[in-house]
N, C-alpha and C. Protein backbone atom coordinates (compact mmCIF):
# COMPACT_ATOMS: atom_id res chain seq x y z
N MET A 1 0.81 -1.19 0.00
CA MET A 1 0.00 0.00 0.00
C MET A 1 0.86 1.26 0.00
N VAL A 2 1.91 1.29 0.83
CA VAL A 2 2.80 2.45 0.89
C VAL A 2 3.53 2.60 -0.44
N ARG A 3 3.94 1.47 -1.01
CA ARG A 3 4.66 1.50 -2.29
C ARG A 3 3.77 2.08 -3.39
N LEU A 4 2.49 1.71 -3.43
CA LEU A 4 1.55 2.21 -4.41
C LEU A 4 1.34 3.71 -4.24
N SER A 5 1.26 4.18 -3.02
CA SER A 5 1.08 5.62 -2.76
C SER A 5 2.29 6.41 -3.23
N ALA A 6 3.48 5.89 -2.99
CA ALA A 6 4.70 6.57 -3.41
C ALA A 6 4.77 6.65 -4.94
N VAL A 7 4.41 5.58 -5.61
CA VAL A 7 4.41 5.56 -7.08
C VAL A 7 3.36 6.54 -7.60
N THR A 8 2.17 6.54 -7.01
CA THR A 8 1.10 7.45 -7.41
C THR A 8 1.54 8.90 -7.22
N PHE A 9 2.17 9.17 -6.08
CA PHE A 9 2.66 10.52 -5.80
C PHE A 9 3.71 10.94 -6.84
N ALA A 10 4.64 10.06 -7.14
CA ALA A 10 5.71 10.36 -8.10
C ALA A 10 5.14 10.64 -9.48
N VAL A 11 4.16 9.82 -9.91
CA VAL A 11 3.53 10.03 -11.22
C VAL A 11 2.79 11.36 -11.23
N ALA A 12 2.04 11.66 -10.17
CA ALA A 12 1.30 12.92 -10.10
C ALA A 12 2.25 14.11 -10.13
N ALA A 13 3.36 14.01 -9.40
CA ALA A 13 4.34 15.10 -9.39
C ALA A 13 4.94 15.30 -10.78
N LEU A 14 5.27 14.22 -11.45
CA LEU A 14 5.83 14.30 -12.79
C LEU A 14 4.85 14.93 -13.77
N VAL A 15 3.59 14.53 -13.70
CA VAL A 15 2.56 15.11 -14.57
C VAL A 15 2.41 16.60 -14.27
N GLY A 16 2.39 16.96 -13.00
CA GLY A 16 2.27 18.36 -12.60
C GLY A 16 3.42 19.20 -13.12
N LEU A 17 4.64 18.71 -12.97
CA LEU A 17 5.81 19.43 -13.47
C LEU A 17 5.77 19.57 -14.98
N THR A 18 5.31 18.53 -15.66
CA THR A 18 5.21 18.57 -17.12
C THR A 18 4.22 19.64 -17.55
N VAL A 19 3.09 19.73 -16.87
CA VAL A 19 2.08 20.73 -17.21
C VAL A 19 2.63 22.14 -16.97
N VAL A 20 3.27 22.35 -15.81
CA VAL A 20 3.84 23.67 -15.50
C VAL A 20 4.91 24.03 -16.51
N TYR A 21 5.82 23.10 -16.81
CA TYR A 21 6.87 23.37 -17.78
C TYR A 21 6.28 23.68 -19.15
N GLY A 22 5.28 22.93 -19.56
CA GLY A 22 4.64 23.17 -20.86
C GLY A 22 4.02 24.54 -20.94
N ARG A 23 3.39 25.00 -19.87
CA ARG A 23 2.79 26.34 -19.87
C ARG A 23 3.86 27.41 -19.92
N LEU A 24 4.93 27.23 -19.15
CA LEU A 24 5.98 28.23 -19.16
C LEU A 24 6.73 28.27 -20.47
N SER A 25 7.01 27.10 -21.05
CA SER A 25 7.80 27.08 -22.28
C SER A 25 6.99 27.54 -23.49
N SER A 26 5.66 27.55 -23.40
CA SER A 26 4.87 27.99 -24.54
C SER A 26 4.75 29.51 -24.59
N ARG A 27 5.18 30.18 -23.55
CA ARG A 27 5.15 31.65 -23.51
C ARG A 27 6.53 32.16 -23.86
N GLN A 28 6.56 33.33 -24.45
CA GLN A 28 7.85 33.95 -24.71
C GLN A 28 8.15 34.88 -23.55
N VAL A 29 8.69 34.32 -22.49
CA VAL A 29 9.03 35.11 -21.33
C VAL A 29 10.51 35.39 -21.39
N THR A 30 10.86 36.64 -21.36
CA THR A 30 12.25 37.03 -21.42
C THR A 30 12.61 37.72 -20.11
N MET A 31 13.61 37.23 -19.46
CA MET A 31 14.07 37.86 -18.24
C MET A 31 15.25 38.76 -18.61
N ALA A 32 15.15 40.00 -18.26
CA ALA A 32 16.22 40.94 -18.55
C ALA A 32 16.18 42.04 -17.51
N ALA A 33 17.32 42.61 -17.27
CA ALA A 33 17.37 43.75 -16.35
C ALA A 33 16.71 44.94 -17.02
N ALA A 34 16.10 45.80 -16.22
CA ALA A 34 15.47 47.00 -16.77
C ALA A 34 16.53 47.84 -17.47
N SER A 35 16.15 48.43 -18.57
CA SER A 35 17.10 49.24 -19.33
C SER A 35 17.44 50.51 -18.56
N PRO A 36 18.72 50.78 -18.35
CA PRO A 36 19.11 52.03 -17.70
C PRO A 36 18.86 53.25 -18.58
N LEU A 37 18.50 53.02 -19.85
CA LEU A 37 18.26 54.13 -20.77
C LEU A 37 16.88 54.75 -20.60
N LEU A 38 15.94 54.03 -19.98
CA LEU A 38 14.58 54.57 -19.86
C LEU A 38 14.59 55.92 -19.16
N GLY A 39 13.96 56.90 -19.82
CA GLY A 39 13.89 58.24 -19.27
C GLY A 39 15.15 59.07 -19.51
N LYS A 40 16.09 58.51 -20.23
CA LYS A 40 17.36 59.21 -20.51
C LYS A 40 17.50 59.44 -22.02
N PRO A 41 18.42 60.32 -22.42
CA PRO A 41 18.64 60.54 -23.85
C PRO A 41 19.08 59.27 -24.57
N ALA A 42 18.52 59.05 -25.74
CA ALA A 42 18.89 57.88 -26.54
C ALA A 42 20.30 58.06 -27.09
N PRO A 43 21.06 56.99 -27.13
CA PRO A 43 22.39 57.07 -27.75
C PRO A 43 22.26 57.46 -29.23
N ALA A 44 23.11 58.34 -29.67
CA ALA A 44 23.11 58.77 -31.07
C ALA A 44 23.74 57.68 -31.93
N PHE A 45 23.31 57.63 -33.19
CA PHE A 45 23.94 56.72 -34.13
C PHE A 45 24.02 57.36 -35.50
N ALA A 46 25.02 56.95 -36.26
CA ALA A 46 25.20 57.36 -37.65
C ALA A 46 25.64 56.09 -38.38
N LEU A 47 24.70 55.49 -39.11
CA LEU A 47 24.94 54.19 -39.74
C LEU A 47 24.53 54.23 -41.21
N ARG A 48 24.89 53.21 -41.95
CA ARG A 48 24.52 53.11 -43.36
C ARG A 48 23.41 52.09 -43.54
N ALA A 49 22.41 52.49 -44.32
CA ALA A 49 21.30 51.59 -44.64
C ALA A 49 21.81 50.50 -45.58
N LEU A 50 21.01 49.47 -45.72
CA LEU A 50 21.39 48.37 -46.62
C LEU A 50 21.56 48.84 -48.05
N ASP A 51 20.90 49.96 -48.41
CA ASP A 51 21.06 50.51 -49.76
C ASP A 51 22.23 51.48 -49.85
N GLY A 52 22.99 51.63 -48.75
CA GLY A 52 24.17 52.49 -48.73
C GLY A 52 23.93 53.91 -48.27
N GLN A 53 22.68 54.31 -48.10
CA GLN A 53 22.37 55.68 -47.67
C GLN A 53 22.69 55.85 -46.18
N PRO A 54 23.26 57.01 -45.82
CA PRO A 54 23.52 57.27 -44.40
C PRO A 54 22.22 57.59 -43.65
N ILE A 55 22.10 57.08 -42.45
CA ILE A 55 20.95 57.39 -41.59
C ILE A 55 21.52 57.73 -40.22
N THR A 56 21.12 58.89 -39.72
CA THR A 56 21.56 59.29 -38.39
C THR A 56 20.35 59.53 -37.49
N SER A 57 20.52 59.27 -36.22
CA SER A 57 19.44 59.54 -35.27
C SER A 57 19.18 61.04 -35.21
N ARG A 58 20.21 61.84 -35.38
CA ARG A 58 20.04 63.29 -35.34
C ARG A 58 19.10 63.77 -36.46
N SER A 59 19.18 63.14 -37.64
CA SER A 59 18.32 63.57 -38.76
C SER A 59 16.86 63.17 -38.53
N LEU A 60 16.60 62.30 -37.55
CA LEU A 60 15.24 61.83 -37.29
C LEU A 60 14.64 62.48 -36.04
N GLU A 61 15.39 63.37 -35.40
CA GLU A 61 14.90 64.05 -34.20
C GLU A 61 13.67 64.88 -34.52
N GLY A 62 12.85 65.09 -33.51
CA GLY A 62 11.64 65.89 -33.67
C GLY A 62 10.41 65.06 -33.93
N ASN A 63 10.58 63.76 -34.15
CA ASN A 63 9.48 62.83 -34.35
C ASN A 63 9.73 61.60 -33.48
N VAL A 64 8.69 60.82 -33.27
CA VAL A 64 8.87 59.55 -32.56
C VAL A 64 9.74 58.65 -33.43
N LEU A 65 10.71 58.01 -32.79
CA LEU A 65 11.61 57.09 -33.47
C LEU A 65 11.52 55.73 -32.79
N VAL A 66 11.25 54.69 -33.57
CA VAL A 66 11.25 53.32 -33.07
C VAL A 66 12.50 52.65 -33.64
N VAL A 67 13.33 52.11 -32.75
CA VAL A 67 14.56 51.44 -33.14
C VAL A 67 14.42 49.97 -32.77
N ASN A 68 14.54 49.11 -33.78
CA ASN A 68 14.38 47.67 -33.57
C ASN A 68 15.68 46.97 -33.94
N PHE A 69 16.27 46.28 -32.98
CA PHE A 69 17.48 45.48 -33.23
C PHE A 69 17.03 44.08 -33.62
N TRP A 70 17.55 43.57 -34.75
CA TRP A 70 17.10 42.29 -35.29
C TRP A 70 18.22 41.60 -36.06
N ALA A 71 17.98 40.33 -36.40
CA ALA A 71 18.92 39.56 -37.22
C ALA A 71 18.12 38.55 -38.04
N SER A 72 18.63 38.22 -39.21
CA SER A 72 17.93 37.27 -40.09
C SER A 72 17.88 35.86 -39.51
N TRP A 73 18.84 35.51 -38.68
CA TRP A 73 18.91 34.18 -38.09
C TRP A 73 18.03 34.03 -36.85
N CYS A 74 17.41 35.11 -36.43
CA CYS A 74 16.62 35.14 -35.19
C CYS A 74 15.18 34.73 -35.48
N VAL A 75 14.72 33.65 -34.86
CA VAL A 75 13.36 33.14 -35.09
C VAL A 75 12.32 34.17 -34.66
N ALA A 76 12.48 34.76 -33.49
CA ALA A 76 11.51 35.75 -33.00
C ALA A 76 11.48 36.99 -33.91
N CYS A 77 12.62 37.32 -34.51
CA CYS A 77 12.67 38.45 -35.45
C CYS A 77 11.83 38.14 -36.69
N ARG A 78 11.87 36.91 -37.12
CA ARG A 78 11.05 36.49 -38.26
C ARG A 78 9.57 36.55 -37.89
N GLU A 79 9.25 36.19 -36.65
CA GLU A 79 7.86 36.22 -36.19
C GLU A 79 7.31 37.65 -36.13
N GLU A 80 8.16 38.61 -35.79
CA GLU A 80 7.68 39.98 -35.64
C GLU A 80 7.80 40.83 -36.91
N ALA A 81 8.48 40.35 -37.92
CA ALA A 81 8.77 41.17 -39.12
C ALA A 81 7.52 41.75 -39.76
N THR A 82 6.51 40.93 -39.99
CA THR A 82 5.29 41.45 -40.63
C THR A 82 4.54 42.40 -39.70
N ASN A 83 4.64 42.17 -38.37
CA ASN A 83 4.01 43.09 -37.41
C ASN A 83 4.67 44.47 -37.46
N LEU A 84 5.99 44.48 -37.55
CA LEU A 84 6.71 45.76 -37.64
C LEU A 84 6.37 46.49 -38.94
N GLU A 85 6.34 45.75 -40.04
CA GLU A 85 6.02 46.38 -41.33
C GLU A 85 4.60 46.94 -41.31
N SER A 86 3.64 46.19 -40.78
CA SER A 86 2.26 46.68 -40.69
C SER A 86 2.17 47.92 -39.82
N PHE A 87 2.87 47.90 -38.69
CA PHE A 87 2.92 49.08 -37.81
C PHE A 87 3.48 50.27 -38.58
N TYR A 88 4.57 50.06 -39.28
CA TYR A 88 5.20 51.14 -40.04
C TYR A 88 4.23 51.70 -41.09
N GLN A 89 3.52 50.84 -41.76
CA GLN A 89 2.56 51.31 -42.77
C GLN A 89 1.44 52.13 -42.13
N ARG A 90 1.01 51.74 -40.94
CA ARG A 90 -0.05 52.48 -40.25
C ARG A 90 0.41 53.84 -39.75
N TRP A 91 1.65 53.95 -39.31
CA TRP A 91 2.11 55.15 -38.61
C TRP A 91 3.07 56.04 -39.39
N SER A 92 3.62 55.57 -40.49
CA SER A 92 4.66 56.36 -41.18
C SER A 92 4.14 57.71 -41.67
N GLY A 93 2.88 57.83 -41.99
CA GLY A 93 2.32 59.10 -42.44
C GLY A 93 2.19 60.14 -41.35
N THR A 94 2.42 59.73 -40.11
CA THR A 94 2.30 60.65 -38.97
C THR A 94 3.62 61.32 -38.62
N GLY A 95 4.67 60.98 -39.33
CA GLY A 95 5.99 61.51 -39.02
C GLY A 95 6.84 60.55 -38.20
N LEU A 96 6.24 59.46 -37.74
CA LEU A 96 6.98 58.46 -36.98
C LEU A 96 8.03 57.80 -37.89
N HIS A 97 9.18 57.51 -37.32
CA HIS A 97 10.24 56.81 -38.05
C HIS A 97 10.50 55.47 -37.38
N LEU A 98 10.75 54.46 -38.18
CA LEU A 98 11.13 53.13 -37.69
C LEU A 98 12.41 52.76 -38.41
N VAL A 99 13.42 52.39 -37.62
CA VAL A 99 14.71 51.98 -38.18
C VAL A 99 15.06 50.63 -37.59
N GLY A 100 15.36 49.68 -38.46
CA GLY A 100 15.84 48.38 -38.03
C GLY A 100 17.36 48.39 -38.00
N ILE A 101 17.95 47.98 -36.90
CA ILE A 101 19.41 47.91 -36.81
C ILE A 101 19.81 46.44 -36.82
N VAL A 102 20.55 46.06 -37.83
CA VAL A 102 20.95 44.67 -38.04
C VAL A 102 22.00 44.30 -37.00
N TYR A 103 21.74 43.22 -36.28
CA TYR A 103 22.57 42.79 -35.17
C TYR A 103 23.33 41.51 -35.52
N ALA A 104 24.65 41.58 -35.53
CA ALA A 104 25.49 40.40 -35.72
C ALA A 104 25.06 39.56 -36.91
N ASP A 105 24.95 40.19 -38.06
CA ASP A 105 24.46 39.52 -39.27
C ASP A 105 25.17 40.12 -40.47
N SER A 106 25.10 39.45 -41.59
CA SER A 106 25.72 39.96 -42.81
C SER A 106 24.72 40.84 -43.58
N ALA A 107 25.24 41.74 -44.36
CA ALA A 107 24.39 42.62 -45.18
C ALA A 107 23.59 41.80 -46.19
N SER A 108 24.20 40.78 -46.76
CA SER A 108 23.48 39.98 -47.77
C SER A 108 22.31 39.22 -47.13
N ASP A 109 22.52 38.66 -45.95
CA ASP A 109 21.42 37.96 -45.27
C ASP A 109 20.34 38.94 -44.83
N ALA A 110 20.75 40.13 -44.40
CA ALA A 110 19.78 41.15 -44.00
C ALA A 110 18.94 41.61 -45.20
N ARG A 111 19.58 41.81 -46.35
CA ARG A 111 18.85 42.19 -47.56
C ARG A 111 17.84 41.11 -47.96
N ALA A 112 18.28 39.86 -47.88
CA ALA A 112 17.38 38.74 -48.23
C ALA A 112 16.18 38.70 -47.27
N PHE A 113 16.42 38.96 -45.99
CA PHE A 113 15.35 39.01 -44.99
C PHE A 113 14.37 40.13 -45.34
N ASP A 114 14.88 41.33 -45.60
CA ASP A 114 14.01 42.47 -45.95
C ASP A 114 13.19 42.17 -47.20
N THR A 115 13.79 41.50 -48.18
CA THR A 115 13.07 41.13 -49.40
C THR A 115 11.99 40.10 -49.09
N GLU A 116 12.36 39.07 -48.33
CA GLU A 116 11.41 38.00 -47.99
C GLU A 116 10.18 38.54 -47.26
N TYR A 117 10.39 39.47 -46.34
CA TYR A 117 9.27 39.99 -45.54
C TYR A 117 8.71 41.32 -46.06
N LYS A 118 9.20 41.74 -47.23
CA LYS A 118 8.72 42.97 -47.88
C LYS A 118 8.82 44.18 -46.95
N ILE A 119 9.97 44.30 -46.30
CA ILE A 119 10.22 45.39 -45.36
C ILE A 119 10.51 46.67 -46.14
N THR A 120 9.78 47.74 -45.81
CA THR A 120 9.98 49.02 -46.50
C THR A 120 10.64 50.07 -45.62
N PHE A 121 10.67 49.86 -44.31
CA PHE A 121 11.38 50.81 -43.45
C PHE A 121 12.87 50.53 -43.55
N PRO A 122 13.71 51.54 -43.29
CA PRO A 122 15.14 51.33 -43.47
C PRO A 122 15.76 50.40 -42.42
N SER A 123 16.65 49.56 -42.90
CA SER A 123 17.47 48.73 -42.03
C SER A 123 18.91 49.18 -42.22
N VAL A 124 19.62 49.30 -41.12
CA VAL A 124 21.00 49.78 -41.16
C VAL A 124 21.94 48.74 -40.57
N MET A 125 23.16 48.74 -41.06
CA MET A 125 24.19 47.85 -40.54
C MET A 125 24.86 48.52 -39.33
N ASP A 126 25.26 47.71 -38.37
CA ASP A 126 25.92 48.18 -37.16
C ASP A 126 27.27 47.49 -37.06
N PRO A 127 28.25 47.97 -37.85
CA PRO A 127 29.56 47.31 -37.88
C PRO A 127 30.19 47.25 -36.49
N GLY A 128 30.56 46.06 -36.09
CA GLY A 128 31.19 45.88 -34.79
C GLY A 128 30.20 45.89 -33.63
N GLY A 129 28.94 46.17 -33.89
CA GLY A 129 27.93 46.15 -32.84
C GLY A 129 28.00 47.30 -31.85
N ALA A 130 28.66 48.41 -32.22
CA ALA A 130 28.82 49.54 -31.30
C ALA A 130 27.49 50.14 -30.88
N THR A 131 26.54 50.27 -31.80
CA THR A 131 25.25 50.86 -31.46
C THR A 131 24.48 49.92 -30.53
N ALA A 132 24.53 48.64 -30.80
CA ALA A 132 23.87 47.66 -29.91
C ALA A 132 24.45 47.76 -28.50
N LEU A 133 25.76 47.92 -28.41
CA LEU A 133 26.39 48.08 -27.09
C LEU A 133 25.92 49.36 -26.42
N ASP A 134 25.86 50.45 -27.18
CA ASP A 134 25.40 51.73 -26.63
C ASP A 134 23.99 51.63 -26.06
N TYR A 135 23.14 50.83 -26.71
CA TYR A 135 21.76 50.66 -26.26
C TYR A 135 21.62 49.57 -25.20
N GLY A 136 22.70 48.82 -24.94
CA GLY A 136 22.64 47.77 -23.93
C GLY A 136 21.88 46.54 -24.39
N VAL A 137 21.87 46.30 -25.69
CA VAL A 137 21.15 45.15 -26.24
C VAL A 137 21.81 43.86 -25.76
N THR A 138 20.97 42.95 -25.25
CA THR A 138 21.48 41.67 -24.77
C THR A 138 21.10 40.52 -25.68
N GLY A 139 20.24 40.77 -26.65
CA GLY A 139 19.80 39.76 -27.61
C GLY A 139 18.78 40.38 -28.53
N VAL A 140 18.35 39.62 -29.49
CA VAL A 140 17.36 40.15 -30.43
C VAL A 140 16.11 39.29 -30.41
N PRO A 141 14.97 39.89 -30.69
CA PRO A 141 14.78 41.30 -30.98
C PRO A 141 14.62 42.13 -29.70
N GLU A 142 15.07 43.37 -29.79
CA GLU A 142 14.83 44.38 -28.77
C GLU A 142 14.41 45.65 -29.49
N THR A 143 13.43 46.33 -28.92
CA THR A 143 12.88 47.53 -29.56
C THR A 143 12.86 48.67 -28.55
N PHE A 144 13.26 49.84 -29.01
CA PHE A 144 13.25 51.05 -28.20
C PHE A 144 12.36 52.08 -28.87
N VAL A 145 11.56 52.79 -28.07
CA VAL A 145 10.76 53.90 -28.57
C VAL A 145 11.37 55.17 -27.99
N ILE A 146 11.64 56.11 -28.89
CA ILE A 146 12.31 57.36 -28.51
C ILE A 146 11.38 58.52 -28.81
N SER A 147 11.22 59.39 -27.83
CA SER A 147 10.31 60.53 -27.97
C SER A 147 10.88 61.56 -28.94
N PRO A 148 10.04 62.49 -29.40
CA PRO A 148 10.53 63.55 -30.30
C PRO A 148 11.68 64.37 -29.69
N SER A 149 11.76 64.42 -28.38
CA SER A 149 12.85 65.16 -27.73
C SER A 149 14.11 64.32 -27.57
N GLY A 150 14.06 63.04 -27.99
CA GLY A 150 15.25 62.20 -27.96
C GLY A 150 15.40 61.34 -26.71
N THR A 151 14.34 61.22 -25.91
CA THR A 151 14.38 60.43 -24.68
C THR A 151 13.84 59.03 -24.94
N VAL A 152 14.51 58.02 -24.38
CA VAL A 152 14.02 56.64 -24.48
C VAL A 152 12.80 56.51 -23.56
N VAL A 153 11.65 56.22 -24.15
CA VAL A 153 10.40 56.15 -23.38
C VAL A 153 9.84 54.74 -23.30
N ALA A 154 10.37 53.81 -24.07
CA ALA A 154 9.92 52.42 -23.97
C ALA A 154 11.04 51.50 -24.43
N HIS A 155 11.10 50.34 -23.78
CA HIS A 155 12.07 49.30 -24.12
C HIS A 155 11.31 47.99 -24.12
N LEU A 156 11.29 47.30 -25.25
CA LEU A 156 10.55 46.06 -25.41
C LEU A 156 11.53 44.94 -25.71
N VAL A 157 11.49 43.90 -24.90
CA VAL A 157 12.38 42.75 -25.08
C VAL A 157 11.55 41.61 -25.64
N GLY A 158 11.96 41.06 -26.76
CA GLY A 158 11.23 39.98 -27.40
C GLY A 158 10.43 40.49 -28.59
N ALA A 159 9.79 39.57 -29.28
CA ALA A 159 9.03 39.90 -30.49
C ALA A 159 7.82 40.77 -30.17
N VAL A 160 7.58 41.78 -30.99
CA VAL A 160 6.38 42.60 -30.84
C VAL A 160 5.23 41.91 -31.55
N GLY A 161 4.05 42.01 -30.94
CA GLY A 161 2.85 41.44 -31.53
C GLY A 161 2.23 42.41 -32.52
N PRO A 162 1.09 42.04 -33.10
CA PRO A 162 0.45 42.88 -34.13
C PRO A 162 0.10 44.29 -33.67
N THR A 163 -0.23 44.47 -32.38
CA THR A 163 -0.62 45.80 -31.90
C THR A 163 0.24 46.28 -30.73
N THR A 164 1.35 45.60 -30.47
CA THR A 164 2.19 45.96 -29.33
C THR A 164 2.61 47.42 -29.38
N LEU A 165 3.18 47.85 -30.49
CA LEU A 165 3.68 49.22 -30.57
C LEU A 165 2.55 50.25 -30.58
N ASP A 166 1.41 49.89 -31.17
CA ASP A 166 0.24 50.79 -31.12
C ASP A 166 -0.15 51.03 -29.66
N SER A 167 -0.17 49.95 -28.87
CA SER A 167 -0.53 50.05 -27.45
C SER A 167 0.47 50.91 -26.69
N VAL A 168 1.75 50.72 -26.98
CA VAL A 168 2.79 51.52 -26.32
C VAL A 168 2.59 53.00 -26.64
N LEU A 169 2.38 53.33 -27.90
CA LEU A 169 2.21 54.74 -28.28
C LEU A 169 0.96 55.34 -27.64
N THR A 170 -0.10 54.55 -27.56
CA THR A 170 -1.33 55.02 -26.91
C THR A 170 -1.09 55.30 -25.43
N GLN A 171 -0.40 54.37 -24.76
CA GLN A 171 -0.10 54.58 -23.34
C GLN A 171 0.77 55.80 -23.13
N LEU A 172 1.77 55.96 -23.97
CA LEU A 172 2.68 57.10 -23.83
C LEU A 172 1.98 58.42 -24.11
N SER A 173 1.07 58.43 -25.08
CA SER A 173 0.37 59.67 -25.41
C SER A 173 -0.56 60.08 -24.28
N GLY A 174 -0.93 59.12 -23.43
CA GLY A 174 -1.77 59.42 -22.28
C GLY A 174 -0.98 59.87 -21.06
N GLY A 175 0.30 60.11 -21.23
CA GLY A 175 1.13 60.61 -20.13
C GLY A 175 1.76 59.52 -19.28
N SER A 176 1.80 58.30 -19.78
CA SER A 176 2.38 57.18 -19.04
C SER A 176 3.87 57.41 -18.79
N ARG A 177 4.35 56.87 -17.68
CA ARG A 177 5.79 56.85 -17.43
C ARG A 177 6.43 55.93 -18.47
N PRO A 178 7.76 55.97 -18.59
CA PRO A 178 8.42 55.06 -19.54
C PRO A 178 7.98 53.62 -19.33
N ILE A 179 7.96 52.87 -20.43
CA ILE A 179 7.44 51.50 -20.42
C ILE A 179 8.55 50.51 -20.70
N GLU A 180 8.55 49.44 -19.92
CA GLU A 180 9.46 48.32 -20.12
C GLU A 180 8.58 47.09 -20.36
N ARG A 181 8.87 46.32 -21.38
CA ARG A 181 8.13 45.08 -21.62
C ARG A 181 9.12 43.95 -21.66
N GLN A 182 8.83 42.94 -20.88
CA GLN A 182 9.63 41.73 -20.90
C GLN A 182 8.67 40.59 -21.11
N GLY A 183 8.71 39.96 -22.25
CA GLY A 183 7.79 38.88 -22.54
C GLY A 183 6.43 39.44 -22.93
N PRO A 184 5.33 38.78 -22.52
CA PRO A 184 4.03 39.11 -23.05
C PRO A 184 3.35 40.35 -22.45
N GLY A 185 3.83 40.89 -21.34
CA GLY A 185 3.11 42.01 -20.71
C GLY A 185 3.91 43.29 -20.69
N PHE A 186 3.26 44.36 -20.28
CA PHE A 186 3.90 45.66 -20.14
C PHE A 186 3.99 46.00 -18.67
N ARG A 187 4.94 46.79 -18.32
CA ARG A 187 4.95 47.40 -16.99
C ARG A 187 5.57 48.77 -17.12
N GLN A 188 5.09 49.68 -16.30
CA GLN A 188 5.68 51.01 -16.31
C GLN A 188 6.96 50.96 -15.52
N ALA A 189 7.93 51.74 -15.97
CA ALA A 189 9.19 51.82 -15.26
C ALA A 189 8.92 52.52 -13.92
N PRO A 190 9.75 52.25 -12.92
CA PRO A 190 9.59 52.94 -11.64
C PRO A 190 9.58 54.45 -11.84
N SER A 191 8.86 55.15 -10.98
CA SER A 191 8.68 56.60 -11.16
C SER A 191 9.95 57.40 -10.99
N GLY A 192 11.02 56.80 -10.51
CA GLY A 192 12.29 57.52 -10.36
C GLY A 192 13.01 57.74 -11.67
N ARG A 193 12.48 57.27 -12.79
CA ARG A 193 13.19 57.40 -14.07
C ARG A 193 12.70 58.58 -14.84
C-alpha cells in the first residue's frame, strides 16, 4: 500500500511538473534587467542603410523614433517582421520613423530578410555592434521607442505582436511613465526614471 502511494505521488508530481513546464515554455518570457536608458537621452547613431544611404538619429529628431534590433537568423525576429512592417505602414504618415538595426548579421542575409518579408522601413548595418552596445542590447529582438525630444520612453524585449507598438504609443500619449516590456506584458518603469 505504501509503495503504491509513493508511485502514485511520483507520477502525479511528474505530470504536474510537465504541465507547469509546458505552460511556461509555450510563452515567450524574457528575463532581462530593466534598461538604464529609460527616461534618458537615446544614444546617437550614424549608420549606413542596406542601400548604402547614411541614416543618423540626429536627422530623425523631432518625431517619434522606433529602433528595432534584429537579425535574419533570429526566429523571433522572423515572427515579428510582418508586425513591424504593418505598424510602419499604419504610422509612417504621422511623421513616426522606424529603423531596423541589423545585429550580428551579414548585409546579404539582412537584404534577403528584408526582401522575404517585404520590409519598406530602413534597415542599417551596425559594424562591430557599437550601437547595440550603446543601447545595452542583450539579444534580439529588442525595440526602443524614442520621444521627439530624444528620450528613451519604452524598451521592449522579445518579439512585438500585431498591436504591441500601437498600445505603447497610446499609453505614452496618455502621459504614461516610460514602459518596459519583458515577454508578453507591459509594466511602467519605476517613477524615479
